[in-house]
Amino acid sequence: MVACSSNGLGIRGLIRESIPKKSKFDKISKTEIINIQNRLNNRPRKVLEYKTPNEIFFKILQRKLSA
């Protein structure tokens, strides 16, 4: 899960911090991708009022489960 701005440009820039353009995706391990995903999902975002995507996701999930 990764939250981003409505046009998706924000998240692509964050991904590019870890995976430069023209990188060979077959050279990136599954472990490295999972690490990048975890870093991004636990990074506070201005668009989310400085909450992390994981915080938002689990707050919504908790509301749904307790309804």
PDB file of N, CA and C in Angstrom:
ATOM      1  N   MET A   1       0.842  -1.158   0.000  1.00  0.00           N
ATOM      2  CA  MET A   1       0.000   0.000   0.000  1.00  0.00           C
ATOM      3  C   MET A   1       0.894   1.229   0.000  1.00  0.00           C
ATOM      4  N   VAL A   2       0.569   2.134  -0.882  1.00  0.00           N
ATOM      5  CA  VAL A   2       1.306   3.384  -0.927  1.00  0.00           C
ATOM      6  C   VAL A   2       0.326   4.489  -1.268  1.00  0.00           C
ATOM      7  N   ALA A   3       0.260   5.507  -0.448  1.00  0.00           N
ATOM      8  CA  ALA A   3      -0.597   6.650  -0.725  1.00  0.00           C
ATOM      9  C   ALA A   3       0.199   7.701  -1.485  1.00  0.00           C
ATOM     10  N   CYS A   4      -0.471   8.455  -2.307  1.00  0.00           N
ATOM     11  CA  CYS A   4       0.231   9.501  -3.057  1.00  0.00           C
ATOM     12  C   CYS A   4      -0.743  10.580  -3.460  1.00  0.00           C
ATOM     13  N   SER A   5      -0.227  11.601  -4.102  1.00  0.00           N
ATOM     14  CA  SER A   5      -1.073  12.657  -4.607  1.00  0.00           C
ATOM     15  C   SER A   5      -1.964  12.102  -5.711  1.00  0.00           C
ATOM     16  N   SER A   6      -2.998  12.822  -6.061  1.00  0.00           N
ATOM     17  CA  SER A   6      -3.972  12.307  -7.029  1.00  0.00           C
ATOM     18  C   SER A   6      -3.359  12.010  -8.390  1.00  0.00           C
ATOM     19  N   ASN A   7      -2.275  12.685  -8.752  1.00  0.00           N
ATOM     20  CA  ASN A   7      -1.675  12.414 -10.060  1.00  0.00           C
ATOM     21  C   ASN A   7      -0.548  11.386  -9.990  1.00  0.00           C
ATOM     22  N   GLY A   8      -0.179  10.941  -8.820  1.00  0.00           N
ATOM     23  CA  GLY A   8       0.818   9.897  -8.684  1.00  0.00           C
ATOM     24  C   GLY A   8       2.261  10.367  -8.810  1.00  0.00           C
ATOM     25  N   LEU A   9       2.493  11.629  -9.106  1.00  0.00           N
ATOM     26  CA  LEU A   9       3.862  12.105  -9.290  1.00  0.00           C
ATOM     27  C   LEU A   9       4.658  12.081  -8.001  1.00  0.00           C
ATOM     28  N   GLY A  10       4.014  12.307  -6.884  1.00  0.00           N
ATOM     29  CA  GLY A  10       4.714  12.324  -5.607  1.00  0.00           C
ATOM     30  C   GLY A  10       5.354  10.991  -5.283  1.00  0.00           C
ATOM     31  N   ILE A  11       4.604   9.933  -5.434  1.00  0.00           N
ATOM     32  CA  ILE A  11       5.120   8.615  -5.086  1.00  0.00           C
ATOM     33  C   ILE A  11       6.204   8.176  -6.058  1.00  0.00           C
ATOM     34  N   ARG A  12       6.062   8.518  -7.330  1.00  0.00           N
ATOM     35  CA  ARG A  12       7.115   8.141  -8.285  1.00  0.00           C
ATOM     36  C   ARG A  12       8.439   8.776  -7.919  1.00  0.00           C
ATOM     37  N   GLY A  13       8.407  10.017  -7.471  1.00  0.00           N
ATOM     38  CA  GLY A  13       9.631  10.689  -7.052  1.00  0.00           C
ATOM     39  C   GLY A  13      10.251  10.004  -5.844  1.00  0.00           C
ATOM     40  N   LEU A  14       9.399   9.582  -4.913  1.00  0.00           N
ATOM     41  CA  LEU A  14       9.910   8.883  -3.727  1.00  0.00           C
ATOM     42  C   LEU A  14      10.503   7.531  -4.107  1.00  0.00           C
ATOM     43  N   ILE A  15       9.871   6.840  -5.028  1.00  0.00           N
ATOM     44  CA  ILE A  15      10.417   5.559  -5.487  1.00  0.00           C
ATOM     45  C   ILE A  15      11.748   5.782  -6.192  1.00  0.00           C
ATOM     46  N   ARG A  16      11.846   6.836  -6.997  1.00  0.00           N
ATOM     47  CA  ARG A  16      13.082   7.134  -7.719  1.00  0.00           C
ATOM     48  C   ARG A  16      14.242   7.462  -6.785  1.00  0.00           C
ATOM     49  N   GLU A  17      13.949   7.867  -5.564  1.00  0.00           N
ATOM     50  CA  GLU A  17      15.030   8.076  -4.596  1.00  0.00           C
ATOM     51  C   GLU A  17      15.753   6.762  -4.311  1.00  0.00           C
ATOM     52  N   SER A  18      15.035   5.662  -4.393  1.00  0.00           N
ATOM     53  CA  SER A  18      15.608   4.343  -4.122  1.00  0.00           C
ATOM     54  C   SER A  18      15.989   3.589  -5.385  1.00  0.00           C
ATOM     55  N   ILE A  19      15.232   3.806  -6.454  1.00  0.00           N
ATOM     56  CA  ILE A  19      15.463   3.095  -7.715  1.00  0.00           C
ATOM     57  C   ILE A  19      15.600   4.130  -8.829  1.00  0.00           C
ATOM     58  N   PRO A  20      16.816   4.461  -9.216  1.00  0.00           N
ATOM     59  CA  PRO A  20      17.021   5.472 -10.261  1.00  0.00           C
ATOM     60  C   PRO A  20      16.422   5.058 -11.610  1.00  0.00           C
ATOM     61  N   LYS A  21      16.128   6.047 -12.438  1.00  0.00           N
ATOM     62  CA  LYS A  21      15.657   5.773 -13.799  1.00  0.00           C
ATOM     63  C   LYS A  21      16.662   4.881 -14.510  1.00  0.00           C
ATOM     64  N   LYS A  22      16.165   4.106 -15.428  1.00  0.00           N
ATOM     65  CA  LYS A  22      16.954   3.182 -16.257  1.00  0.00           C
ATOM     66  C   LYS A  22      17.522   2.009 -15.452  1.00  0.00           C
ATOM     67  N   SER A  23      17.047   1.844 -14.210  1.00  0.00           N
ATOM     68  CA  SER A  23      17.474   0.676 -13.436  1.00  0.00           C
ATOM     69  C   SER A  23      16.853  -0.574 -14.045  1.00  0.00           C
ATOM     70  N   LYS A  24      17.560  -1.655 -13.963  1.00  0.00           N
ATOM     71  CA  LYS A  24      17.057  -2.941 -14.428  1.00  0.00           C
ATOM     72  C   LYS A  24      16.269  -3.575 -13.291  1.00  0.00           C
ATOM     73  N   PHE A  25      14.953  -3.707 -13.485  1.00  0.00           N
ATOM     74  CA  PHE A  25      14.119  -4.225 -12.415  1.00  0.00           C
ATOM     75  C   PHE A  25      14.402  -5.689 -12.108  1.00  0.00           C
ATOM     76  N   ASP A  26      14.931  -6.414 -13.063  1.00  0.00           N
ATOM     77  CA  ASP A  26      15.267  -7.808 -12.781  1.00  0.00           C
ATOM     78  C   ASP A  26      16.501  -7.923 -11.890  1.00  0.00           C
ATOM     79  N   LYS A  27      17.185  -6.816 -11.665  1.00  0.00           N
ATOM     80  CA  LYS A  27      18.362  -6.796 -10.789  1.00  0.00           C
ATOM     81  C   LYS A  27      17.997  -6.381  -9.352  1.00  0.00           C
ATOM     82  N   ILE A  28      16.735  -6.014  -9.133  1.00  0.00           N
ATOM     83  CA  ILE A  28      16.287  -5.583  -7.807  1.00  0.00           C
ATOM     84  C   ILE A  28      15.622  -6.776  -7.121  1.00  0.00           C
ATOM     85  N   SER A  29      16.120  -7.117  -5.958  1.00  0.00           N
ATOM     86  CA  SER A  29      15.590  -8.290  -5.255  1.00  0.00           C
ATOM     87  C   SER A  29      14.215  -7.998  -4.654  1.00  0.00           C
ATOM     88  N   LYS A  30      13.464  -9.066  -4.433  1.00  0.00           N
ATOM     89  CA  LYS A  30      12.154  -8.949  -3.792  1.00  0.00           C
ATOM     90  C   LYS A  30      12.309  -8.322  -2.407  1.00  0.00           C
ATOM     91  N   THR A  31      13.376  -8.694  -1.701  1.00  0.00           N
ATOM     92  CA  THR A  31      13.636  -8.136  -0.373  1.00  0.00           C
ATOM     93  C   THR A  31      13.846  -6.629  -0.441  1.00  0.00           C
ATOM     94  N   GLU A  32      14.592  -6.182  -1.432  1.00  0.00           N
ATOM     95  CA  GLU A  32      14.834  -4.735  -1.582  1.00  0.00           C
ATOM     96  C   GLU A  32      13.533  -3.997  -1.885  1.00  0.00           C
ATOM     97  N   ILE A  33      12.697  -4.571  -2.728  1.00  0.00           N
ATOM     98  CA  ILE A  33      11.405  -3.940  -3.044  1.00  0.00           C
ATOM     99  C   ILE A  33      10.532  -3.872  -1.800  1.00  0.00           C
ATOM    100  N   ILE A  34      10.505  -4.928  -1.011  1.00  0.00           N
ATOM    101  CA  ILE A  34       9.716  -4.929   0.230  1.00  0.00           C
ATOM    102  C   ILE A  34      10.265  -3.872   1.196  1.00  0.00           C
ATOM    103  N   ASN A  35      11.586  -3.727   1.275  1.00  0.00           N
ATOM    104  CA  ASN A  35      12.179  -2.699   2.139  1.00  0.00           C
ATOM    105  C   ASN A  35      11.787  -1.292   1.685  1.00  0.00           C
ATOM    106  N   ILE A  36      11.806  -1.056   0.384  1.00  0.00           N
ATOM    107  CA  ILE A  36      11.402   0.249  -0.159  1.00  0.00           C
ATOM    108  C   ILE A  36       9.928   0.500   0.159  1.00  0.00           C
ATOM    109  N   GLN A  37       9.108  -0.508  -0.059  1.00  0.00           N
ATOM    110  CA  GLN A  37       7.678  -0.401   0.232  1.00  0.00           C
ATOM    111  C   GLN A  37       7.448  -0.061   1.707  1.00  0.00           C
ATOM    112  N   ASN A  38       8.140  -0.744   2.597  1.00  0.00           N
ATOM    113  CA  ASN A  38       7.982  -0.481   4.030  1.00  0.00           C
ATOM    114  C   ASN A  38       8.439   0.929   4.398  1.00  0.00           C
ATOM    115  N   ARG A  39       9.560   1.362   3.818  1.00  0.00           N
ATOM    116  CA  ARG A  39      10.032   2.735   4.079  1.00  0.00           C
ATOM    117  C   ARG A  39       8.992   3.758   3.635  1.00  0.00           C
ATOM    118  N   LEU A  40       8.440   3.571   2.446  1.00  0.00           N
ATOM    119  CA  LEU A  40       7.474   4.534   1.921  1.00  0.00           C
ATOM    120  C   LEU A  40       6.164   4.519   2.713  1.00  0.00           C
ATOM    121  N   ASN A  41       5.730   3.349   3.130  1.00  0.00           N
ATOM    122  CA  ASN A  41       4.474   3.254   3.872  1.00  0.00           C
ATOM    123  C   ASN A  41       4.592   3.720   5.312  1.00  0.00           C
ATOM    124  N   ASN A  42       5.809   3.932   5.788  1.00  0.00           N
ATOM    125  CA  ASN A  42       6.014   4.418   7.150  1.00  0.00           C
ATOM    126  C   ASN A  42       6.621   5.813   7.176  1.00  0.00           C
ATOM    127  N   ARG A  43       6.605   6.473   6.034  1.00  0.00           N
ATOM    128  CA  ARG A  43       7.135   7.834   5.917  1.00  0.00           C
ATOM    129  C   ARG A  43       5.977   8.831   5.989  1.00  0.00           C
ATOM    130  N   PRO A  44       6.011   9.767   6.942  1.00  0.00           N
ATOM    131  CA  PRO A  44       4.933  10.762   7.037  1.00  0.00           C
ATOM    132  C   PRO A  44       4.825  11.577   5.749  1.00  0.00           C
ATOM    133  N   ARG A  45       3.592  11.914   5.391  1.00  0.00           N
ATOM    134  CA  ARG A  45       3.333  12.691   4.168  1.00  0.00           C
ATOM    135  C   ARG A  45       2.553  13.951   4.497  1.00  0.00           C
ATOM    136  N   LYS A  46       2.965  15.032   3.905  1.00  0.00           N
ATOM    137  CA  LYS A  46       2.271  16.301   4.083  1.00  0.00           C
ATOM    138  C   LYS A  46       0.811  16.175   3.663  1.00  0.00           C
ATOM    139  N   VAL A  47       0.576  15.508   2.531  1.00  0.00           N
ATOM    140  CA  VAL A  47      -0.776  15.350   1.998  1.00  0.00           C
ATOM    141  C   VAL A  47      -1.675  14.562   2.959  1.00  0.00           C
ATOM    142  N   LEU A  48      -1.076  13.800   3.857  1.00  0.00           N
ATOM    143  CA  LEU A  48      -1.830  13.037   4.861  1.00  0.00           C
ATOM    144  C   LEU A  48      -1.739  13.695   6.231  1.00  0.00           C
ATOM    145  N   GLU A  49      -1.485  15.002   6.237  1.00  0.00           N
ATOM    146  CA  GLU A  49      -1.342  15.771   7.473  1.00  0.00           C
ATOM    147  C   GLU A  49      -0.253  15.174   8.365  1.00  0.00           C
ATOM    148  N   TYR A  50       0.842  14.794   7.735  1.00  0.00           N
ATOM    149  CA  TYR A  50       2.044  14.259   8.382  1.00  0.00           C
ATOM    150  C   TYR A  50       1.814  12.936   9.122  1.00  0.00           C
ATOM    151  N   LYS A  51       0.795  12.215   8.660  1.00  0.00           N
ATOM    152  CA  LYS A  51       0.607  10.836   9.121  1.00  0.00           C
ATOM    153  C   LYS A  51       1.220   9.931   8.059  1.00  0.00           C
ATOM    154  N   THR A  52       1.460   8.690   8.422  1.00  0.00           N
ATOM    155  CA  THR A  52       2.004   7.744   7.448  1.00  0.00           C
ATOM    156  C   THR A  52       0.848   7.031   6.731  1.00  0.00           C
ATOM    157  N   PRO A  53       1.090   6.516   5.525  1.00  0.00           N
ATOM    158  CA  PRO A  53       0.067   5.724   4.852  1.00  0.00           C
ATOM    159  C   PRO A  53      -0.392   4.538   5.706  1.00  0.00           C
ATOM    160  N   ASN A  54       0.536   3.909   6.428  1.00  0.00           N
ATOM    161  CA  ASN A  54       0.141   2.795   7.301  1.00  0.00           C
ATOM    162  C   ASN A  54      -0.797   3.253   8.409  1.00  0.00           C
ATOM    163  N   GLU A  55      -0.536   4.406   8.999  1.00  0.00           N
ATOM    164  CA  GLU A  55      -1.427   4.917  10.051  1.00  0.00           C
ATOM    165  C   GLU A  55      -2.838   5.111   9.513  1.00  0.00           C
ATOM    166  N   ILE A  56      -2.941   5.714   8.347  1.00  0.00           N
ATOM    167  CA  ILE A  56      -4.248   5.965   7.734  1.00  0.00           C
ATOM    168  C   ILE A  56      -4.939   4.639   7.411  1.00  0.00           C
ATOM    169  N   PHE A  57      -4.221   3.727   6.790  1.00  0.00           N
ATOM    170  CA  PHE A  57      -4.787   2.436   6.410  1.00  0.00           C
ATOM    171  C   PHE A  57      -5.338   1.695   7.630  1.00  0.00           C
ATOM    172  N   PHE A  58      -4.528   1.593   8.683  1.00  0.00           N
ATOM    173  CA  PHE A  58      -4.964   0.826   9.846  1.00  0.00           C
ATOM    174  C   PHE A  58      -6.077   1.528  10.626  1.00  0.00           C
ATOM    175  N   LYS A  59      -6.117   2.850  10.589  1.00  0.00           N
ATOM    176  CA  LYS A  59      -7.212   3.576  11.222  1.00  0.00           C
ATOM    177  C   LYS A  59      -8.523   3.285  10.485  1.00  0.00           C
ATOM    178  N   ILE A  60      -8.487   3.302   9.165  1.00  0.00           N
ATOM    179  CA  ILE A  60      -9.677   2.985   8.359  1.00  0.00           C
ATOM    180  C   ILE A  60     -10.085   1.528   8.569  1.00  0.00           C
ATOM    181  N   LEU A  61      -9.126   0.634   8.555  1.00  0.00           N
ATOM    182  CA  LEU A  61      -9.407  -0.784   8.759  1.00  0.00           C
ATOM    183  C   LEU A  61     -10.054  -1.029  10.120  1.00  0.00           C
ATOM    184  N   GLN A  62      -9.529  -0.388  11.146  1.00  0.00           N
ATOM    185  CA  GLN A  62     -10.083  -0.549  12.479  1.00  0.00           C
ATOM    186  C   GLN A  62     -11.522  -0.075  12.530  1.00  0.00           C
ATOM    187  N   ARG A  63     -11.815   1.070  11.890  1.00  0.00           N
ATOM    188  CA  ARG A  63     -13.191   1.580  11.843  1.00  0.00           C
ATOM    189  C   ARG A  63     -14.121   0.602  11.151  1.00  0.00           C
ATOM    190  N   LYS A  64     -13.652   0.042  10.028  1.00  0.00           N
ATOM    191  CA  LYS A  64     -14.474  -0.906   9.257  1.00  0.00           C
ATOM    192  C   LYS A  64     -14.752  -2.177  10.066  1.00  0.00           C
ATOM    193  N   LEU A  65     -13.735  -2.663  10.773  1.00  0.00           N
ATOM    194  CA  LEU A  65     -13.896  -3.894  11.531  1.00  0.00           C
ATOM    195  C   LEU A  65     -14.775  -3.719  12.764  1.00  0.00           C
ATOM    196  N   SER A  66     -14.775  -2.526  13.333  1.00  0.00           N
ATOM    197  CA  SER A  66     -15.579  -2.308  14.544  1.00  0.00           C
ATOM    198  C   SER A  66     -17.004  -1.843  14.216  1.00  0.00           C
ATOM    199  N   ALA A  67     -17.292  -1.635  12.949  1.00  0.00           N
ATOM    200  CA  ALA A  67     -18.655  -1.182  12.552  1.00  0.00           C
ATOM    201  C   ALA A  67     -19.627  -2.337  12.492  1.00  0.00           C
TER     202      ALA A  67
END
